[in-house]
Every structure is written in structure tokens, then in C-alpha cells.
């Protein structure tokens, strides 16, 4: 299992414990602690940016540089 492949981790909040056999790790235990959105947006980071006075277009472009915001008229 490739735990670092896209969409394989539900959150980057995890602990990695090596399981040793002698002096060398035989396996690793990955213990996840969060759920995450899977979209690549850090909710804590957005809170920090907004507390620094950044507005939503700048915050979104920080995480998604190719994003194009448009007004929907209906």
C-alpha cells in the first residue's frame, strides 16, 4: 500500500511508529489522527491566513494557484 499516493491519506495528521526486529525496522505502524478534506486545503492554515487579514480569493489562490474565480449570474 502506497500511503503517500494521492487520496490515500485522509489527513496529514498521523504518527508513524517503526516496529523493530533487532536494530532494523521490520514494519511501520501508521496511526491516523484526523479525517481531512482530501482537497489539499488546510483548515488551520486558512484560519491563520484570514486572521492575518487575507481575503478568500487570496487564501484560495494560496492553496490552488491555478484557480479561477468567477461570479455566477442567475
PDB file of N, CA and C in Angstrom:
ATOM      1  N   UNK A   1       0.837  -1.175   0.000  1.00  0.00           N
ATOM      2  CA  UNK A   1       0.000   0.000   0.000  1.00  0.00           C
ATOM      3  C   UNK A   1       0.884   1.242   0.000  1.00  0.00           C
ATOM      4  N   UNK A   2       0.652   2.141  -0.921  1.00  0.00           N
ATOM      5  CA  UNK A   2       1.408   3.388  -1.001  1.00  0.00           C
ATOM      6  C   UNK A   2       0.650   4.462  -0.229  1.00  0.00           C
ATOM      7  N   UNK A   3       1.043   4.681   1.019  1.00  0.00           N
ATOM      8  CA  UNK A   3       0.294   5.607   1.875  1.00  0.00           C
ATOM      9  C   UNK A   3       0.474   7.065   1.480  1.00  0.00           C
ATOM     10  N   UNK A   4       1.464   7.370   0.650  1.00  0.00           N
ATOM     11  CA  UNK A   4       1.679   8.751   0.230  1.00  0.00           C
ATOM     12  C   UNK A   4       1.128   9.036  -1.160  1.00  0.00           C
ATOM     13  N   UNK A   5       0.400   8.097  -1.728  1.00  0.00           N
ATOM     14  CA  UNK A   5      -0.223   8.312  -3.035  1.00  0.00           C
ATOM     15  C   UNK A   5      -1.382   9.300  -2.882  1.00  0.00           C
ATOM     16  N   UNK A   6      -1.725  10.010  -3.962  1.00  0.00           N
ATOM     17  CA  UNK A   6      -2.852  10.943  -3.880  1.00  0.00           C
ATOM     18  C   UNK A   6      -4.112  10.260  -3.368  1.00  0.00           C
ATOM     19  N   UNK A   7      -4.795  10.926  -2.482  1.00  0.00           N
ATOM     20  CA  UNK A   7      -6.059  10.488  -1.890  1.00  0.00           C
ATOM     21  C   UNK A   7      -5.939   9.240  -1.006  1.00  0.00           C
ATOM     22  N   UNK A   8      -4.724   8.814  -0.666  1.00  0.00           N
ATOM     23  CA  UNK A   8      -4.607   7.631   0.190  1.00  0.00           C
ATOM     24  C   UNK A   8      -4.627   7.996   1.673  1.00  0.00           C
ATOM     25  N   UNK A   9      -4.173   9.191   2.022  1.00  0.00           N
ATOM     26  CA  UNK A   9      -4.234   9.647   3.408  1.00  0.00           C
ATOM     27  C   UNK A   9      -5.439  10.559   3.577  1.00  0.00           C
ATOM     28  N   UNK A  10      -6.245  10.313   4.582  1.00  0.00           N
ATOM     29  CA  UNK A  10      -7.400  11.173   4.837  1.00  0.00           C
ATOM     30  C   UNK A  10      -6.976  12.457   5.529  1.00  0.00           C
ATOM     31  N   UNK A  11      -5.775  12.460   6.108  1.00  0.00           N
ATOM     32  CA  UNK A  11      -5.264  13.640   6.792  1.00  0.00           C
ATOM     33  C   UNK A  11      -3.753  13.519   6.894  1.00  0.00           C
ATOM     34  N   UNK A  12      -3.074  14.645   6.996  1.00  0.00           N
ATOM     35  CA  UNK A  12      -1.631  14.609   7.227  1.00  0.00           C
ATOM     36  C   UNK A  12      -1.320  14.596   8.717  1.00  0.00           C
ATOM     37  N   UNK A  13      -2.342  14.463   9.534  1.00  0.00           N
ATOM     38  CA  UNK A  13      -2.156  14.343  10.974  1.00  0.00           C
ATOM     39  C   UNK A  13      -2.061  12.856  11.312  1.00  0.00           C
ATOM     40  N   UNK A  14      -0.836  12.351  11.394  1.00  0.00           N
ATOM     41  CA  UNK A  14      -0.634  10.939  11.703  1.00  0.00           C
ATOM     42  C   UNK A  14       0.689  10.750  12.432  1.00  0.00           C
ATOM     43  N   UNK A  15       0.822   9.599  13.063  1.00  0.00           N
ATOM     44  CA  UNK A  15       2.042   9.216  13.767  1.00  0.00           C
ATOM     45  C   UNK A  15       2.560   7.944  13.115  1.00  0.00           C
ATOM     46  N   UNK A  16       3.854   7.902  12.875  1.00  0.00           N
ATOM     47  CA  UNK A  16       4.493   6.743  12.256  1.00  0.00           C
ATOM     48  C   UNK A  16       5.385   6.075  13.301  1.00  0.00           C
ATOM     49  N   UNK A  17       5.081   4.824  13.629  1.00  0.00           N
ATOM     50  CA  UNK A  17       5.858   4.068  14.615  1.00  0.00           C
ATOM     51  C   UNK A  17       6.593   2.930  13.910  1.00  0.00           C
ATOM     52  N   UNK A  18       7.937   2.916  13.963  1.00  0.00           N
ATOM     53  CA  UNK A  18       8.664   1.775  13.413  1.00  0.00           C
ATOM     54  C   UNK A  18       8.544   0.571  14.348  1.00  0.00           C
ATOM     55  N   UNK A  19       8.358  -0.595  13.774  1.00  0.00           N
ATOM     56  CA  UNK A  19       8.304  -1.847  14.535  1.00  0.00           C
ATOM     57  C   UNK A  19       9.606  -2.593  14.247  1.00  0.00           C
ATOM     58  N   UNK A  20      10.447  -2.667  15.247  1.00  0.00           N
ATOM     59  CA  UNK A  20      11.802  -3.192  15.059  1.00  0.00           C
ATOM     60  C   UNK A  20      11.883  -4.701  15.215  1.00  0.00           C
ATOM     61  N   UNK A  21      12.796  -5.266  14.443  1.00  0.00           N
ATOM     62  CA  UNK A  21      13.236  -6.645  14.620  1.00  0.00           C
ATOM     63  C   UNK A  21      14.753  -6.528  14.738  1.00  0.00           C
ATOM     64  N   UNK A  22      15.242  -6.593  15.957  1.00  0.00           N
ATOM     65  CA  UNK A  22      16.653  -6.298  16.180  1.00  0.00           C
ATOM     66  C   UNK A  22      16.848  -4.786  16.104  1.00  0.00           C
ATOM     67  N   UNK A  23      17.859  -4.362  15.339  1.00  0.00           N
ATOM     68  CA  UNK A  23      18.147  -2.932  15.214  1.00  0.00           C
ATOM     69  C   UNK A  23      17.488  -2.282  14.003  1.00  0.00           C
ATOM     70  N   UNK A  24      16.852  -3.094  13.174  1.00  0.00           N
ATOM     71  CA  UNK A  24      16.267  -2.554  11.935  1.00  0.00           C
ATOM     72  C   UNK A  24      14.746  -2.627  11.969  1.00  0.00           C
ATOM     73  N   UNK A  25      14.089  -1.622  11.413  1.00  0.00           N
ATOM     74  CA  UNK A  25      12.625  -1.685  11.345  1.00  0.00           C
ATOM     75  C   UNK A  25      12.170  -2.820  10.434  1.00  0.00           C
ATOM     76  N   UNK A  26      11.253  -3.615  10.919  1.00  0.00           N
ATOM     77  CA  UNK A  26      10.675  -4.696  10.116  1.00  0.00           C
ATOM     78  C   UNK A  26       9.423  -4.198   9.401  1.00  0.00           C
ATOM     79  N   UNK A  27       8.688  -3.316  10.065  1.00  0.00           N
ATOM     80  CA  UNK A  27       7.447  -2.761   9.511  1.00  0.00           C
ATOM     81  C   UNK A  27       7.190  -1.423  10.193  1.00  0.00           C
ATOM     82  N   UNK A  28       6.169  -0.749   9.728  1.00  0.00           N
ATOM     83  CA  UNK A  28       5.784   0.533  10.310  1.00  0.00           C
ATOM     84  C   UNK A  28       4.293   0.525  10.612  1.00  0.00           C
ATOM     85  N   UNK A  29       3.947   1.104  11.730  1.00  0.00           N
ATOM     86  CA  UNK A  29       2.554   1.269  12.109  1.00  0.00           C
ATOM     87  C   UNK A  29       2.198   2.731  11.870  1.00  0.00           C
ATOM     88  N   UNK A  30       1.219   2.956  11.035  1.00  0.00           N
ATOM     89  CA  UNK A  30       0.760   4.307  10.715  1.00  0.00           C
ATOM     90  C   UNK A  30      -0.564   4.521  11.428  1.00  0.00           C
ATOM     91  N   UNK A  31      -0.585   5.490  12.329  1.00  0.00           N
ATOM     92  CA  UNK A  31      -1.762   5.743  13.141  1.00  0.00           C
ATOM     93  C   UNK A  31      -2.304   7.116  12.787  1.00  0.00           C
ATOM     94  N   UNK A  32      -3.440   7.139  12.098  1.00  0.00           N
ATOM     95  CA  UNK A  32      -4.045   8.394  11.666  1.00  0.00           C
ATOM     96  C   UNK A  32      -4.872   9.027  12.762  1.00  0.00           C
ATOM     97  N   UNK A  33      -4.805  10.351  12.833  1.00  0.00           N
ATOM     98  CA  UNK A  33      -5.490  11.075  13.892  1.00  0.00           C
ATOM     99  C   UNK A  33      -6.529  12.064  13.374  1.00  0.00           C
ATOM    100  N   UNK A  34      -6.635  12.247  12.088  1.00  0.00           N
ATOM    101  CA  UNK A  34      -7.575  13.226  11.557  1.00  0.00           C
ATOM    102  C   UNK A  34      -8.342  12.659  10.391  1.00  0.00           C
ATOM    103  N   UNK A  35      -9.262  13.450   9.885  1.00  0.00           N
ATOM    104  CA  UNK A  35     -10.025  12.995   8.721  1.00  0.00           C
ATOM    105  C   UNK A  35      -9.690  13.804   7.484  1.00  0.00           C
ATOM    106  N   UNK A  36      -9.422  15.082   7.614  1.00  0.00           N
ATOM    107  CA  UNK A  36      -9.054  15.902   6.465  1.00  0.00           C
ATOM    108  C   UNK A  36     -10.149  15.978   5.422  1.00  0.00           C
ATOM    109  N   UNK A  37      -9.972  16.895   4.495  1.00  0.00           N
ATOM    110  CA  UNK A  37     -10.965  17.065   3.428  1.00  0.00           C
ATOM    111  C   UNK A  37     -10.551  16.346   2.154  1.00  0.00           C
ATOM    112  N   UNK A  38      -9.244  16.078   2.034  1.00  0.00           N
ATOM    113  CA  UNK A  38      -8.748  15.442   0.821  1.00  0.00           C
ATOM    114  C   UNK A  38      -8.639  16.388  -0.356  1.00  0.00           C
ATOM    115  N   UNK A  39      -8.909  17.670  -0.132  1.00  0.00           N
ATOM    116  CA  UNK A  39      -8.896  18.641  -1.226  1.00  0.00           C
ATOM    117  C   UNK A  39      -7.584  19.404  -1.318  1.00  0.00           C
ATOM    118  N   UNK A  40      -6.707  19.254  -0.332  1.00  0.00           N
ATOM    119  CA  UNK A  40      -5.445  19.977  -0.351  1.00  0.00           C
ATOM    120  C   UNK A  40      -5.512  21.326   0.336  1.00  0.00           C
ATOM    121  N   UNK A  41      -6.550  21.550   1.110  1.00  0.00           N
ATOM    122  CA  UNK A  41      -6.730  22.821   1.797  1.00  0.00           C
ATOM    123  C   UNK A  41      -6.615  22.582   3.297  1.00  0.00           C
ATOM    124  N   UNK A  42      -5.723  23.310   3.941  1.00  0.00           N
ATOM    125  CA  UNK A  42      -5.521  23.172   5.384  1.00  0.00           C
ATOM    126  C   UNK A  42      -6.450  24.142   6.105  1.00  0.00           C
ATOM    127  N   UNK A  43      -7.396  23.602   6.853  1.00  0.00           N
ATOM    128  CA  UNK A  43      -8.363  24.459   7.545  1.00  0.00           C
ATOM    129  C   UNK A  43      -7.681  25.346   8.583  1.00  0.00           C
ATOM    130  N   UNK A  44      -6.690  24.821   9.294  1.00  0.00           N
ATOM    131  CA  UNK A  44      -5.963  25.642  10.267  1.00  0.00           C
ATOM    132  C   UNK A  44      -5.183  26.742   9.555  1.00  0.00           C
ATOM    133  N   UNK A  45      -4.626  26.411   8.388  1.00  0.00           N
ATOM    134  CA  UNK A  45      -3.895  27.411   7.609  1.00  0.00           C
ATOM    135  C   UNK A  45      -4.794  28.517   7.096  1.00  0.00           C
ATOM    136  N   UNK A  46      -5.997  28.157   6.667  1.00  0.00           N
ATOM    137  CA  UNK A  46      -6.929  29.184   6.187  1.00  0.00           C
ATOM    138  C   UNK A  46      -7.344  30.100   7.333  1.00  0.00           C
ATOM    139  N   UNK A  47      -7.508  29.542   8.521  1.00  0.00           N
ATOM    140  CA  UNK A  47      -7.842  30.359   9.684  1.00  0.00           C
ATOM    141  C   UNK A  47      -6.702  31.331   9.989  1.00  0.00           C
ATOM    142  N   UNK A  48      -5.474  30.832   9.914  1.00  0.00           N
ATOM    143  CA  UNK A  48      -4.315  31.693  10.151  1.00  0.00           C
ATOM    144  C   UNK A  48      -4.207  32.803   9.125  1.00  0.00           C
ATOM    145  N   UNK A  49      -4.398  32.476   7.853  1.00  0.00           N
ATOM    146  CA  UNK A  49      -4.329  33.492   6.801  1.00  0.00           C
ATOM    147  C   UNK A  49      -5.434  34.529   6.958  1.00  0.00           C
ATOM    148  N   UNK A  50      -6.631  34.079   7.304  1.00  0.00           N
ATOM    149  CA  UNK A  50      -7.729  35.032   7.477  1.00  0.00           C
ATOM    150  C   UNK A  50      -7.493  35.924   8.694  1.00  0.00           C
ATOM    151  N   UNK A  51      -6.874  35.387   9.739  1.00  0.00           N
ATOM    152  CA  UNK A  51      -6.581  36.213  10.915  1.00  0.00           C
ATOM    153  C   UNK A  51      -5.497  37.245  10.615  1.00  0.00           C
ATOM    154  N   UNK A  52      -4.730  37.022   9.533  1.00  0.00           N
ATOM    155  CA  UNK A  52      -3.725  37.990   9.093  1.00  0.00           C
ATOM    156  C   UNK A  52      -4.324  39.016   8.130  1.00  0.00           C
ATOM    157  N   UNK A  53      -5.636  38.937   7.923  1.00  0.00           N
ATOM    158  CA  UNK A  53      -6.303  39.921   7.074  1.00  0.00           C
ATOM    159  C   UNK A  53      -6.455  39.513   5.621  1.00  0.00           C
ATOM    160  N   UNK A  54      -6.063  38.293   5.277  1.00  0.00           N
ATOM    161  CA  UNK A  54      -6.209  37.836   3.891  1.00  0.00           C
ATOM    162  C   UNK A  54      -7.678  37.571   3.596  1.00  0.00           C
ATOM    163  N   UNK A  55      -8.112  37.911   2.391  1.00  0.00           N
ATOM    164  CA  UNK A  55      -9.491  37.673   1.960  1.00  0.00           C
ATOM    165  C   UNK A  55      -9.558  36.338   1.227  1.00  0.00           C
ATOM    166  N   UNK A  56     -10.778  35.824   1.047  1.00  0.00           N
ATOM    167  CA  UNK A  56     -10.936  34.473   0.498  1.00  0.00           C
ATOM    168  C   UNK A  56     -10.284  34.267  -0.867  1.00  0.00           C
ATOM    169  N   UNK A  57     -10.274  35.245  -1.808  1.00  0.00           N
ATOM    170  CA  UNK A  57      -9.608  34.965  -3.090  1.00  0.00           C
ATOM    171  C   UNK A  57      -8.107  34.701  -2.918  1.00  0.00           C
ATOM    172  N   UNK A  58      -7.472  35.455  -2.031  1.00  0.00           N
ATOM    173  CA  UNK A  58      -6.034  35.269  -1.802  1.00  0.00           C
ATOM    174  C   UNK A  58      -5.755  33.953  -1.074  1.00  0.00           C
ATOM    175  N   UNK A  59      -6.617  33.598  -0.136  1.00  0.00           N
ATOM    176  CA  UNK A  59      -6.456  32.334   0.593  1.00  0.00           C
ATOM    177  C   UNK A  59      -6.615  31.154  -0.358  1.00  0.00           C
ATOM    178  N   UNK A  60      -7.654  31.185  -1.181  1.00  0.00           N
ATOM    179  CA  UNK A  60      -7.870  30.082  -2.127  1.00  0.00           C
ATOM    180  C   UNK A  60      -6.734  29.977  -3.133  1.00  0.00           C
ATOM    181  N   UNK A  61      -6.223  31.121  -3.615  1.00  0.00           N
ATOM    182  CA  UNK A  61      -5.130  31.062  -4.593  1.00  0.00           C
ATOM    183  C   UNK A  61      -3.830  30.579  -3.952  1.00  0.00           C
ATOM    184  N   UNK A  62      -3.703  30.727  -2.632  1.00  0.00           N
ATOM    185  CA  UNK A  62      -2.533  30.191  -1.932  1.00  0.00           C
ATOM    186  C   UNK A  62      -2.505  28.663  -2.035  1.00  0.00           C
ATOM    187  N   UNK A  63      -3.649  28.036  -1.872  1.00  0.00           N
ATOM    188  CA  UNK A  63      -3.743  26.575  -1.905  1.00  0.00           C
ATOM    189  C   UNK A  63      -3.965  26.024  -3.311  1.00  0.00           C
ATOM    190  N   UNK A  64      -4.622  26.790  -4.149  1.00  0.00           N
ATOM    191  CA  UNK A  64      -4.948  26.350  -5.509  1.00  0.00           C
ATOM    192  C   UNK A  64      -4.518  27.438  -6.487  1.00  0.00           C
ATOM    193  N   UNK A  65      -3.213  27.500  -6.846  1.00  0.00           N
ATOM    194  CA  UNK A  65      -2.683  28.601  -7.654  1.00  0.00           C
ATOM    195  C   UNK A  65      -3.340  28.752  -9.030  1.00  0.00           C
ATOM    196  N   UNK A  66      -3.849  27.694  -9.597  1.00  0.00           N
ATOM    197  CA  UNK A  66      -4.464  27.773 -10.930  1.00  0.00           C
ATOM    198  C   UNK A  66      -5.964  28.043 -10.874  1.00  0.00           C
ATOM    199  N   UNK A  67      -6.490  28.291  -9.689  1.00  0.00           N
ATOM    200  CA  UNK A  67      -7.922  28.512  -9.521  1.00  0.00           C
ATOM    201  C   UNK A  67      -8.358  29.818 -10.178  1.00  0.00           C
ATOM    202  N   UNK A  68      -9.481  29.778 -10.876  1.00  0.00           N
ATOM    203  CA  UNK A  68     -10.079  30.973 -11.476  1.00  0.00           C
ATOM    204  C   UNK A  68     -11.459  31.156 -10.856  1.00  0.00           C
ATOM    205  N   UNK A  69     -11.641  32.238 -10.128  1.00  0.00           N
ATOM    206  CA  UNK A  69     -12.932  32.532  -9.511  1.00  0.00           C
ATOM    207  C   UNK A  69     -13.791  33.323 -10.487  1.00  0.00           C
ATOM    208  N   UNK A  70     -15.045  32.973 -10.572  1.00  0.00           N
ATOM    209  CA  UNK A  70     -15.978  33.670 -11.455  1.00  0.00           C
ATOM    210  C   UNK A  70     -17.276  33.927 -10.704  1.00  0.00           C
ATOM    211  N   UNK A  71     -17.922  35.020 -11.053  1.00  0.00           N
ATOM    212  CA  UNK A  71     -19.235  35.324 -10.500  1.00  0.00           C
ATOM    213  C   UNK A  71     -20.287  34.606 -11.326  1.00  0.00           C
ATOM    214  N   UNK A  72     -21.186  33.944 -10.650  1.00  0.00           N
ATOM    215  CA  UNK A  72     -22.279  33.249 -11.334  1.00  0.00           C
ATOM    216  C   UNK A  72     -23.502  34.154 -11.297  1.00  0.00           C
ATOM    217  N   UNK A  73     -24.027  34.448 -12.470  1.00  0.00           N
ATOM    218  CA  UNK A  73     -25.231  35.278 -12.558  1.00  0.00           C
ATOM    219  C   UNK A  73     -26.409  34.372 -12.849  1.00  0.00           C
ATOM    220  N   UNK A  74     -27.432  34.483 -12.047  1.00  0.00           N
ATOM    221  CA  UNK A  74     -28.624  33.668 -12.265  1.00  0.00           C
ATOM    222  C   UNK A  74     -29.857  34.446 -11.938  1.00  0.00           C
TER     223      UNK A  74
END
